[in-house]
């Protein structure tokens, strides 16, 4: 698949999660970093989008333990965004 088309599809999926909170967190993460991701990072994100929003959000804000398969540089990048931090 063409890289630009893949980015557009992932952006759409990231911003159409079902709840506004998930849209903002996951879509905002994609907007902040997605354009610079390589193919492996895009694969990771695409697979992450198959997970439940409540899980992704919990892993990102630290309210539930993050499974080892998702806990790595990309999740740390997601946690680093200001809107993800718990006050």
N, C-alpha and C. Protein backbone atom coordinates (compact mmCIF):
# COMPACT_ATOMS: atom_id res chain seq x y z
N UNK A 1 0.85 -1.17 0.00
CA UNK A 1 0.00 0.00 0.00
C UNK A 1 0.90 1.24 0.00
N UNK A 2 0.49 2.24 -0.72
CA UNK A 2 1.21 3.50 -0.77
C UNK A 2 1.30 4.12 0.62
N UNK A 3 2.46 4.66 0.96
CA UNK A 3 2.71 5.22 2.29
C UNK A 3 1.70 6.33 2.64
N UNK A 4 1.45 7.23 1.72
CA UNK A 4 0.51 8.33 2.00
C UNK A 4 -0.91 7.83 2.23
N UNK A 5 -1.32 6.84 1.47
CA UNK A 5 -2.65 6.27 1.66
C UNK A 5 -2.73 5.59 3.02
N UNK A 6 -1.67 4.88 3.37
CA UNK A 6 -1.64 4.21 4.68
C UNK A 6 -1.75 5.23 5.81
N UNK A 7 -1.03 6.33 5.71
CA UNK A 7 -1.11 7.37 6.73
C UNK A 7 -2.52 7.94 6.83
N UNK A 8 -3.16 8.17 5.71
CA UNK A 8 -4.52 8.71 5.73
C UNK A 8 -5.49 7.75 6.38
N UNK A 9 -5.35 6.46 6.08
CA UNK A 9 -6.23 5.46 6.67
C UNK A 9 -6.01 5.35 8.18
N UNK A 10 -4.75 5.34 8.58
CA UNK A 10 -4.45 5.26 10.01
C UNK A 10 -4.95 6.50 10.74
N UNK A 11 -4.78 7.66 10.13
CA UNK A 11 -5.27 8.90 10.76
C UNK A 11 -6.78 8.82 10.95
N UNK A 12 -7.50 8.37 9.94
CA UNK A 12 -8.94 8.24 10.05
C UNK A 12 -9.31 7.30 11.20
N UNK A 13 -8.67 6.13 11.24
CA UNK A 13 -8.96 5.16 12.30
C UNK A 13 -8.61 5.70 13.68
N UNK A 14 -7.53 6.47 13.76
CA UNK A 14 -7.11 7.03 15.04
C UNK A 14 -8.11 8.08 15.55
N UNK A 15 -8.74 8.80 14.64
CA UNK A 15 -9.66 9.87 15.03
C UNK A 15 -11.12 9.43 15.07
N UNK A 16 -11.40 8.19 14.76
CA UNK A 16 -12.79 7.69 14.78
C UNK A 16 -12.88 6.44 15.62
N UNK A 17 -12.62 6.60 16.91
CA UNK A 17 -12.56 5.48 17.83
C UNK A 17 -13.90 5.16 18.48
N UNK A 18 -14.76 6.12 18.63
CA UNK A 18 -16.05 5.86 19.25
C UNK A 18 -16.35 6.76 20.43
N UNK A 19 -15.30 7.26 21.08
CA UNK A 19 -15.52 8.25 22.14
C UNK A 19 -14.60 9.44 21.87
N UNK A 20 -15.03 10.58 22.29
CA UNK A 20 -14.24 11.79 22.06
C UNK A 20 -12.89 11.71 22.78
N UNK A 21 -12.90 11.15 23.97
CA UNK A 21 -11.65 11.04 24.74
C UNK A 21 -10.62 10.18 24.01
N UNK A 22 -11.09 9.04 23.48
CA UNK A 22 -10.18 8.16 22.74
C UNK A 22 -9.73 8.83 21.44
N UNK A 23 -10.65 9.51 20.78
CA UNK A 23 -10.27 10.24 19.56
C UNK A 23 -9.15 11.23 19.85
N UNK A 24 -9.31 12.00 20.91
CA UNK A 24 -8.31 13.01 21.25
C UNK A 24 -6.97 12.39 21.62
N UNK A 25 -7.00 11.33 22.40
CA UNK A 25 -5.75 10.72 22.83
C UNK A 25 -5.05 10.00 21.68
N UNK A 26 -5.75 9.11 21.03
CA UNK A 26 -5.14 8.27 20.01
C UNK A 26 -4.91 9.08 18.73
N UNK A 27 -5.91 9.87 18.34
CA UNK A 27 -5.75 10.72 17.16
C UNK A 27 -4.70 11.79 17.37
N UNK A 28 -4.69 12.37 18.56
CA UNK A 28 -3.68 13.39 18.88
C UNK A 28 -2.28 12.83 18.86
N UNK A 29 -2.12 11.61 19.36
CA UNK A 29 -0.83 10.93 19.33
C UNK A 29 -0.39 10.72 17.88
N UNK A 30 -1.31 10.24 17.05
CA UNK A 30 -0.97 10.03 15.65
C UNK A 30 -0.59 11.35 14.97
N UNK A 31 -1.37 12.39 15.20
CA UNK A 31 -1.07 13.69 14.57
C UNK A 31 0.28 14.23 15.01
N UNK A 32 0.64 14.01 16.26
CA UNK A 32 1.90 14.52 16.79
C UNK A 32 3.11 13.78 16.23
N UNK A 33 2.96 12.50 15.90
CA UNK A 33 4.14 11.70 15.55
C UNK A 33 4.03 10.90 14.26
N UNK A 34 2.84 10.57 13.82
CA UNK A 34 2.65 9.61 12.73
C UNK A 34 3.40 9.90 11.45
N UNK A 35 3.51 11.15 11.08
CA UNK A 35 4.17 11.50 9.81
C UNK A 35 5.64 11.11 9.80
N UNK A 36 6.24 10.96 10.98
CA UNK A 36 7.67 10.63 11.06
C UNK A 36 7.95 9.15 11.31
N UNK A 37 6.90 8.35 11.48
CA UNK A 37 7.10 6.95 11.79
C UNK A 37 7.57 6.16 10.58
N UNK A 38 8.41 5.16 10.85
CA UNK A 38 8.84 4.25 9.80
C UNK A 38 7.81 3.12 9.68
N UNK A 39 8.06 2.18 8.78
CA UNK A 39 7.10 1.10 8.52
C UNK A 39 6.86 0.25 9.77
N UNK A 40 7.89 -0.04 10.54
CA UNK A 40 7.72 -0.84 11.76
C UNK A 40 6.87 -0.11 12.78
N UNK A 41 7.07 1.18 12.92
CA UNK A 41 6.29 1.96 13.86
C UNK A 41 4.83 2.05 13.41
N UNK A 42 4.62 2.19 12.11
CA UNK A 42 3.26 2.20 11.59
C UNK A 42 2.59 0.84 11.82
N UNK A 43 3.35 -0.24 11.66
CA UNK A 43 2.81 -1.58 11.95
C UNK A 43 2.38 -1.68 13.40
N UNK A 44 3.21 -1.18 14.32
CA UNK A 44 2.89 -1.21 15.75
C UNK A 44 1.59 -0.45 16.01
N UNK A 45 1.50 0.75 15.47
CA UNK A 45 0.32 1.57 15.70
C UNK A 45 -0.93 0.93 15.10
N UNK A 46 -0.79 0.39 13.91
CA UNK A 46 -1.92 -0.27 13.27
C UNK A 46 -2.42 -1.45 14.11
N UNK A 47 -1.51 -2.21 14.66
CA UNK A 47 -1.88 -3.32 15.54
C UNK A 47 -2.51 -2.81 16.84
N UNK A 48 -1.97 -1.72 17.37
CA UNK A 48 -2.52 -1.13 18.59
C UNK A 48 -3.98 -0.73 18.39
N UNK A 49 -4.31 -0.24 17.21
CA UNK A 49 -5.67 0.19 16.93
C UNK A 49 -6.68 -0.96 16.99
N UNK A 50 -6.20 -2.19 16.98
CA UNK A 50 -7.09 -3.34 17.12
C UNK A 50 -7.47 -3.60 18.57
N UNK A 51 -6.76 -2.99 19.49
CA UNK A 51 -7.04 -3.15 20.93
C UNK A 51 -8.23 -2.27 21.33
N UNK A 52 -8.79 -2.56 22.48
CA UNK A 52 -9.91 -1.78 23.00
C UNK A 52 -9.43 -0.40 23.45
N UNK A 53 -10.22 0.60 23.17
CA UNK A 53 -9.86 1.97 23.55
C UNK A 53 -9.60 2.12 25.04
N UNK A 54 -10.44 1.50 25.85
CA UNK A 54 -10.28 1.61 27.30
C UNK A 54 -8.93 1.05 27.73
N UNK A 55 -8.46 0.01 27.06
CA UNK A 55 -7.15 -0.55 27.38
C UNK A 55 -6.03 0.39 26.94
N UNK A 56 -6.11 0.86 25.71
CA UNK A 56 -5.08 1.78 25.19
C UNK A 56 -4.97 3.00 26.10
N UNK A 57 -6.10 3.57 26.45
CA UNK A 57 -6.10 4.76 27.29
C UNK A 57 -5.54 4.45 28.68
N UNK A 58 -5.93 3.31 29.25
CA UNK A 58 -5.41 2.91 30.55
C UNK A 58 -3.92 2.70 30.54
N UNK A 59 -3.40 2.07 29.50
CA UNK A 59 -1.96 1.86 29.38
C UNK A 59 -1.23 3.18 29.24
N UNK A 60 -1.82 4.09 28.47
CA UNK A 60 -1.16 5.38 28.21
C UNK A 60 -1.12 6.27 29.45
N UNK A 61 -2.18 6.25 30.24
CA UNK A 61 -2.18 7.12 31.42
C UNK A 61 -1.67 6.41 32.66
N UNK A 62 -1.45 5.10 32.55
CA UNK A 62 -0.88 4.36 33.67
C UNK A 62 -1.89 3.87 34.69
N UNK A 63 -3.17 3.90 34.35
CA UNK A 63 -4.17 3.43 35.31
C UNK A 63 -4.30 1.91 35.33
N UNK A 64 -3.82 1.26 34.29
CA UNK A 64 -3.75 -0.20 34.27
C UNK A 64 -2.38 -0.60 33.72
N UNK A 65 -1.85 -1.74 34.17
CA UNK A 65 -0.53 -2.17 33.68
C UNK A 65 -0.55 -2.41 32.17
N UNK A 66 0.50 -2.00 31.53
CA UNK A 66 0.64 -2.16 30.08
C UNK A 66 1.31 -3.51 29.79
N UNK A 67 0.69 -4.34 28.95
CA UNK A 67 1.32 -5.61 28.59
C UNK A 67 2.68 -5.38 27.90
N UNK A 68 3.58 -6.32 28.10
CA UNK A 68 4.93 -6.19 27.56
C UNK A 68 4.95 -5.96 26.05
N UNK A 69 4.01 -6.57 25.35
CA UNK A 69 3.99 -6.43 23.89
C UNK A 69 3.73 -4.99 23.44
N UNK A 70 3.13 -4.17 24.27
CA UNK A 70 2.84 -2.78 23.91
C UNK A 70 3.75 -1.79 24.64
N UNK A 71 4.39 -2.23 25.70
CA UNK A 71 5.19 -1.33 26.53
C UNK A 71 6.60 -1.20 25.96
N UNK A 72 6.81 -0.14 25.23
CA UNK A 72 8.10 0.09 24.60
C UNK A 72 8.23 1.55 24.19
N UNK A 73 9.10 1.85 23.26
CA UNK A 73 9.34 3.25 22.88
C UNK A 73 8.10 3.99 22.40
N UNK A 74 7.24 3.31 21.66
CA UNK A 74 6.05 3.98 21.13
C UNK A 74 5.07 4.31 22.26
N UNK A 75 4.88 3.40 23.20
CA UNK A 75 3.97 3.69 24.32
C UNK A 75 4.57 4.79 25.19
N UNK A 76 5.88 4.78 25.38
CA UNK A 76 6.51 5.87 26.14
C UNK A 76 6.30 7.21 25.44
N UNK A 77 6.34 7.18 24.12
CA UNK A 77 6.08 8.40 23.34
C UNK A 77 4.64 8.86 23.54
N UNK A 78 3.71 7.90 23.58
CA UNK A 78 2.31 8.24 23.81
C UNK A 78 2.13 8.82 25.21
N UNK A 79 2.80 8.23 26.19
CA UNK A 79 2.69 8.70 27.57
C UNK A 79 3.29 10.09 27.76
N UNK A 80 4.22 10.46 26.91
CA UNK A 80 4.91 11.74 27.04
C UNK A 80 4.05 12.93 26.61
N UNK A 81 2.97 12.70 25.90
CA UNK A 81 2.12 13.82 25.47
C UNK A 81 1.44 14.44 26.66
N UNK A 82 1.37 15.74 26.69
CA UNK A 82 0.82 16.48 27.82
C UNK A 82 -0.62 16.09 28.15
N UNK A 83 -1.44 15.82 27.13
CA UNK A 83 -2.84 15.54 27.41
C UNK A 83 -3.04 14.13 27.97
N UNK A 84 -2.00 13.33 28.02
CA UNK A 84 -2.11 11.97 28.53
C UNK A 84 -1.80 11.93 30.02
N UNK A 85 -1.05 12.85 30.52
CA UNK A 85 -0.61 12.80 31.91
C UNK A 85 -1.76 12.99 32.89
N UNK A 86 -1.74 12.19 33.91
CA UNK A 86 -2.76 12.29 34.96
C UNK A 86 -2.36 13.42 35.90
N UNK A 87 -3.30 14.33 36.23
CA UNK A 87 -2.94 15.47 37.11
C UNK A 87 -2.59 15.00 38.52
